C-alpha cells in the first residue's frame, strides 16, 4: 500500500446551481436583515450583481419580493432606479453606468435607501435659496 492510499478523500455533494438554492439563501439573508432592522434599527445591503445567480434564481427573487408602489429614477453620475418591493423595508436599487451597463444591483433592507435621502449640505443650500425667494418673491429660473 502506498502512502497516497492512506490519505482519506472526502467529496462534496453536487449542488445544481440552477436549483434555486442561491435565491433561497439570499431570501433567508433578507429575512435575517429585516428582522435585524426591526429589532436594532440597523440596515443591510446585498449586492446581487456580485453573486452568481442563474436567470431562474433572479426570477425567483423578483417573484418572491414582488413590486411595491414607489419607483424613483435618478440621473446623477449615471442612471439609478430605486423601487420598493412588496415587502416593507426591502428595496431594490440598480445603478447603471453611462453606457447603460448595470454596475450595482442592490437589495437594501432599510426604511429608506440612502440615495433617496436629502444631503445635509444640499438642504442648507436649499434653505438659503428659499430665504432669497421669500425676500424677492422670485421663482428660481432654470
C-alpha atoms as a PDB file:
ATOM      1  CA  UNK A   1       0.000   0.000   0.000  1.00  0.00           C
ATOM      2  CA  UNK A   2       1.413   3.393  -0.978  1.00  0.00           C
ATOM      3  CA  UNK A   3       1.324   6.398   1.290  1.00  0.00           C
ATOM      4  CA  UNK A   4      -1.185   8.027  -1.034  1.00  0.00           C
ATOM      5  CA  UNK A   5      -3.684   5.259  -0.326  1.00  0.00           C
ATOM      6  CA  UNK A   6      -3.572   6.230   3.344  1.00  0.00           C
ATOM      7  CA  UNK A   7      -4.922   9.716   2.624  1.00  0.00           C
ATOM      8  CA  UNK A   8      -8.660   9.862   3.071  1.00  0.00           C
ATOM      9  CA  UNK A   9     -10.607  11.724   0.426  1.00  0.00           C
ATOM     10  CA  UNK A  10     -13.951  13.308   1.133  1.00  0.00           C
ATOM     11  CA  UNK A  11     -16.133  14.565  -1.677  1.00  0.00           C
ATOM     12  CA  UNK A  12     -18.574  17.443  -1.558  1.00  0.00           C
ATOM     13  CA  UNK A  13     -22.143  16.773  -2.646  1.00  0.00           C
ATOM     14  CA  UNK A  14     -23.078  18.039  -6.091  1.00  0.00           C
ATOM     15  CA  UNK A  15     -25.051  21.271  -5.961  1.00  0.00           C
ATOM     16  CA  UNK A  16     -27.084  22.209  -9.017  1.00  0.00           C
ATOM     17  CA  UNK A  17     -26.663  25.982  -9.305  1.00  0.00           C
ATOM     18  CA  UNK A  18     -29.951  26.144 -11.195  1.00  0.00           C
ATOM     19  CA  UNK A  19     -31.990  24.628  -8.382  1.00  0.00           C
ATOM     20  CA  UNK A  20     -32.871  27.987  -6.836  1.00  0.00           C
ATOM     21  CA  UNK A  21     -30.744  27.490  -3.734  1.00  0.00           C
ATOM     22  CA  UNK A  22     -28.892  30.765  -4.394  1.00  0.00           C
ATOM     23  CA  UNK A  23     -32.176  32.684  -4.401  1.00  0.00           C
ATOM     24  CA  UNK A  24     -33.326  30.853  -1.287  1.00  0.00           C
ATOM     25  CA  UNK A  25     -30.090  31.762   0.510  1.00  0.00           C
ATOM     26  CA  UNK A  26     -30.498  35.422  -0.437  1.00  0.00           C
ATOM     27  CA  UNK A  27     -34.135  35.418   0.668  1.00  0.00           C
ATOM     28  CA  UNK A  28     -33.126  33.936   4.043  1.00  0.00           C
ATOM     29  CA  UNK A  29     -30.449  36.642   4.376  1.00  0.00           C
ATOM     30  CA  UNK A  30     -33.064  39.309   3.583  1.00  0.00           C
ATOM     31  CA  UNK A  31     -35.273  37.755   6.250  1.00  0.00           C
ATOM     32  CA  UNK A  32     -32.420  37.968   8.762  1.00  0.00           C
ATOM     33  CA  UNK A  33     -31.573  41.561   7.793  1.00  0.00           C
ATOM     34  CA  UNK A  34     -35.209  42.674   8.032  1.00  0.00           C
ATOM     35  CA  UNK A  35     -35.532  41.101  11.461  1.00  0.00           C
ATOM     36  CA  UNK A  36     -32.313  42.876  12.495  1.00  0.00           C
ATOM     37  CA  UNK A  37     -33.617  46.208  11.148  1.00  0.00           C
ATOM     38  CA  UNK A  38     -36.833  45.821  13.124  1.00  0.00           C
ATOM     39  CA  UNK A  39     -35.068  44.765  16.334  1.00  0.00           C
ATOM     40  CA  UNK A  40     -31.980  47.012  16.232  1.00  0.00           C
ATOM     41  CA  UNK A  41     -32.587  49.683  13.603  1.00  0.00           C
ATOM     42  CA  UNK A  42     -29.506  48.538  11.658  1.00  0.00           C
ATOM     43  CA  UNK A  43     -29.731  48.492   7.888  1.00  0.00           C
ATOM     44  CA  UNK A  44     -28.207  45.988   5.483  1.00  0.00           C
ATOM     45  CA  UNK A  45     -27.351  45.715   1.798  1.00  0.00           C
ATOM     46  CA  UNK A  46     -26.801  42.778  -0.545  1.00  0.00           C
ATOM     47  CA  UNK A  47     -25.249  43.421  -3.971  1.00  0.00           C
ATOM     48  CA  UNK A  48     -26.739  40.603  -6.023  1.00  0.00           C
ATOM     49  CA  UNK A  49     -24.619  41.585  -9.018  1.00  0.00           C
ATOM     50  CA  UNK A  50     -21.641  40.109  -7.166  1.00  0.00           C
ATOM     51  CA  UNK A  51     -23.428  36.794  -6.559  1.00  0.00           C
ATOM     52  CA  UNK A  52     -23.528  34.226  -9.371  1.00  0.00           C
ATOM     53  CA  UNK A  53     -27.221  33.534  -9.922  1.00  0.00           C
ATOM     54  CA  UNK A  54     -28.990  31.823 -12.765  1.00  0.00           C
ATOM     55  CA  UNK A  55     -31.797  33.527 -14.675  1.00  0.00           C
ATOM     56  CA  UNK A  56     -34.242  31.247 -12.819  1.00  0.00           C
ATOM     57  CA  UNK A  57     -32.852  32.398  -9.462  1.00  0.00           C
ATOM     58  CA  UNK A  58     -33.154  36.080 -10.444  1.00  0.00           C
ATOM     59  CA  UNK A  59     -36.761  35.456 -11.465  1.00  0.00           C
ATOM     60  CA  UNK A  60     -37.421  33.636  -8.194  1.00  0.00           C
ATOM     61  CA  UNK A  61     -36.065  36.590  -6.193  1.00  0.00           C
ATOM     62  CA  UNK A  62     -38.219  39.076  -8.114  1.00  0.00           C
ATOM     63  CA  UNK A  63     -41.295  36.873  -7.800  1.00  0.00           C
ATOM     64  CA  UNK A  64     -40.990  36.384  -4.040  1.00  0.00           C
ATOM     65  CA  UNK A  65     -40.109  40.016  -3.256  1.00  0.00           C
ATOM     66  CA  UNK A  66     -42.765  41.412  -5.575  1.00  0.00           C
ATOM     67  CA  UNK A  67     -43.143  45.049  -6.521  1.00  0.00           C
ATOM     68  CA  UNK A  68     -44.276  47.880  -4.273  1.00  0.00           C
ATOM     69  CA  UNK A  69     -45.897  51.171  -5.172  1.00  0.00           C
ATOM     70  CA  UNK A  70     -42.897  53.515  -5.303  1.00  0.00           C
ATOM     71  CA  UNK A  71     -40.311  53.847  -8.064  1.00  0.00           C
ATOM     72  CA  UNK A  72     -37.743  56.643  -8.337  1.00  0.00           C
ATOM     73  CA  UNK A  73     -35.345  57.307 -11.194  1.00  0.00           C
ATOM     74  CA  UNK A  74     -32.237  59.401 -10.545  1.00  0.00           C
ATOM     75  CA  UNK A  75     -29.853  60.781 -13.129  1.00  0.00           C
ATOM     76  CA  UNK A  76     -26.669  61.645 -11.288  1.00  0.00           C
ATOM     77  CA  UNK A  77     -23.334  60.122 -12.313  1.00  0.00           C
ATOM     78  CA  UNK A  78     -25.273  57.579 -14.359  1.00  0.00           C
ATOM     79  CA  UNK A  79     -28.854  56.410 -14.039  1.00  0.00           C
ATOM     80  CA  UNK A  80     -30.182  54.763 -10.886  1.00  0.00           C
ATOM     81  CA  UNK A  81     -33.585  53.184 -10.415  1.00  0.00           C
ATOM     82  CA  UNK A  82     -34.935  52.584  -6.918  1.00  0.00           C
ATOM     83  CA  UNK A  83     -38.142  50.715  -6.238  1.00  0.00           C
ATOM     84  CA  UNK A  84     -39.735  49.350  -3.170  1.00  0.00           C
ATOM     85  CA  UNK A  85     -40.601  45.700  -3.117  1.00  0.00           C
ATOM     86  CA  UNK A  86     -43.888  44.312  -1.820  1.00  0.00           C
ATOM     87  CA  UNK A  87     -42.017  43.587   1.420  1.00  0.00           C
ATOM     88  CA  UNK A  88     -41.946  46.739   3.566  1.00  0.00           C
ATOM     89  CA  UNK A  89     -38.377  47.733   4.371  1.00  0.00           C
ATOM     90  CA  UNK A  90     -36.898  45.859   1.392  1.00  0.00           C
ATOM     91  CA  UNK A  91     -35.841  47.999  -1.576  1.00  0.00           C
ATOM     92  CA  UNK A  92     -34.194  47.321  -4.915  1.00  0.00           C
ATOM     93  CA  UNK A  93     -31.637  49.813  -6.266  1.00  0.00           C
ATOM     94  CA  UNK A  94     -29.991  49.339  -9.647  1.00  0.00           C
ATOM     95  CA  UNK A  95     -27.140  51.622 -10.718  1.00  0.00           C
ATOM     96  CA  UNK A  96     -26.121  51.956 -14.380  1.00  0.00           C
ATOM     97  CA  UNK A  97     -23.019  53.489 -15.941  1.00  0.00           C
ATOM     98  CA  UNK A  98     -23.229  55.958 -18.828  1.00  0.00           C
ATOM     99  CA  UNK A  99     -23.265  53.062 -21.312  1.00  0.00           C
ATOM    100  CA  UNK A 100     -26.351  51.549 -19.646  1.00  0.00           C
ATOM    101  CA  UNK A 101     -24.496  48.616 -18.101  1.00  0.00           C
ATOM    102  CA  UNK A 102     -25.568  47.522 -14.604  1.00  0.00           C
ATOM    103  CA  UNK A 103     -22.754  48.349 -12.182  1.00  0.00           C
ATOM    104  CA  UNK A 104     -24.607  47.508  -8.954  1.00  0.00           C
ATOM    105  CA  UNK A 105     -27.828  45.643  -8.253  1.00  0.00           C
ATOM    106  CA  UNK A 106     -28.645  46.158  -4.601  1.00  0.00           C
ATOM    107  CA  UNK A 107     -31.239  44.772  -2.270  1.00  0.00           C
ATOM    108  CA  UNK A 108     -31.396  47.299   0.548  1.00  0.00           C
ATOM    109  CA  UNK A 109     -33.050  46.490   3.842  1.00  0.00           C
ATOM    110  CA  UNK A 110     -33.803  49.928   5.228  1.00  0.00           C
ATOM    111  CA  UNK A 111     -36.612  52.347   5.977  1.00  0.00           C
ATOM    112  CA  UNK A 112     -35.461  54.490   3.043  1.00  0.00           C
ATOM    113  CA  UNK A 113     -32.497  53.953   0.702  1.00  0.00           C
ATOM    114  CA  UNK A 114     -29.624  56.356   1.310  1.00  0.00           C
ATOM    115  CA  UNK A 115     -29.692  57.591  -2.292  1.00  0.00           C
ATOM    116  CA  UNK A 116     -33.212  58.977  -1.750  1.00  0.00           C
ATOM    117  CA  UNK A 117     -32.343  60.897   1.409  1.00  0.00           C
ATOM    118  CA  UNK A 118     -31.604  64.602   1.139  1.00  0.00           C
ATOM    119  CA  UNK A 119     -27.997  65.609   1.697  1.00  0.00           C
ATOM    120  CA  UNK A 120     -27.473  67.998   4.626  1.00  0.00           C
ATOM    121  CA  UNK A 121     -25.327  70.381   2.537  1.00  0.00           C
ATOM    122  CA  UNK A 122     -27.952  70.384  -0.220  1.00  0.00           C
ATOM    123  CA  UNK A 123     -30.637  71.158   2.351  1.00  0.00           C
ATOM    124  CA  UNK A 124     -28.612  74.084   3.723  1.00  0.00           C
ATOM    125  CA  UNK A 125     -28.164  75.472   0.207  1.00  0.00           C
ATOM    126  CA  UNK A 126     -31.881  74.971  -0.436  1.00  0.00           C
ATOM    127  CA  UNK A 127     -32.735  76.827   2.781  1.00  0.00           C
ATOM    128  CA  UNK A 128     -30.569  79.750   1.658  1.00  0.00           C
ATOM    129  CA  UNK A 129     -32.298  79.694  -1.735  1.00  0.00           C
ATOM    130  CA  UNK A 130     -35.735  79.570  -0.102  1.00  0.00           C
ATOM    131  CA  UNK A 131     -34.889  82.594   2.036  1.00  0.00           C
ATOM    132  CA  UNK A 132     -33.793  84.508  -1.084  1.00  0.00           C
ATOM    133  CA  UNK A 133     -37.039  83.608  -2.828  1.00  0.00           C
ATOM    134  CA  UNK A 134     -39.121  84.678   0.142  1.00  0.00           C
ATOM    135  CA  UNK A 135     -37.359  88.048   0.233  1.00  0.00           C
ATOM    136  CA  UNK A 136     -37.593  88.705  -3.507  1.00  0.00           C
ATOM    137  CA  UNK A 137     -40.721  86.677  -4.280  1.00  0.00           C
ATOM    138  CA  UNK A 138     -38.941  85.361  -7.347  1.00  0.00           C
ATOM    139  CA  UNK A 139     -39.039  81.770  -8.553  1.00  0.00           C
ATOM    140  CA  UNK A 140     -35.840  80.003  -9.437  1.00  0.00           C
ATOM    141  CA  UNK A 141     -35.295  80.227 -13.177  1.00  0.00           C
ATOM    142  CA  UNK A 142     -33.764  77.059 -14.549  1.00  0.00           C
END
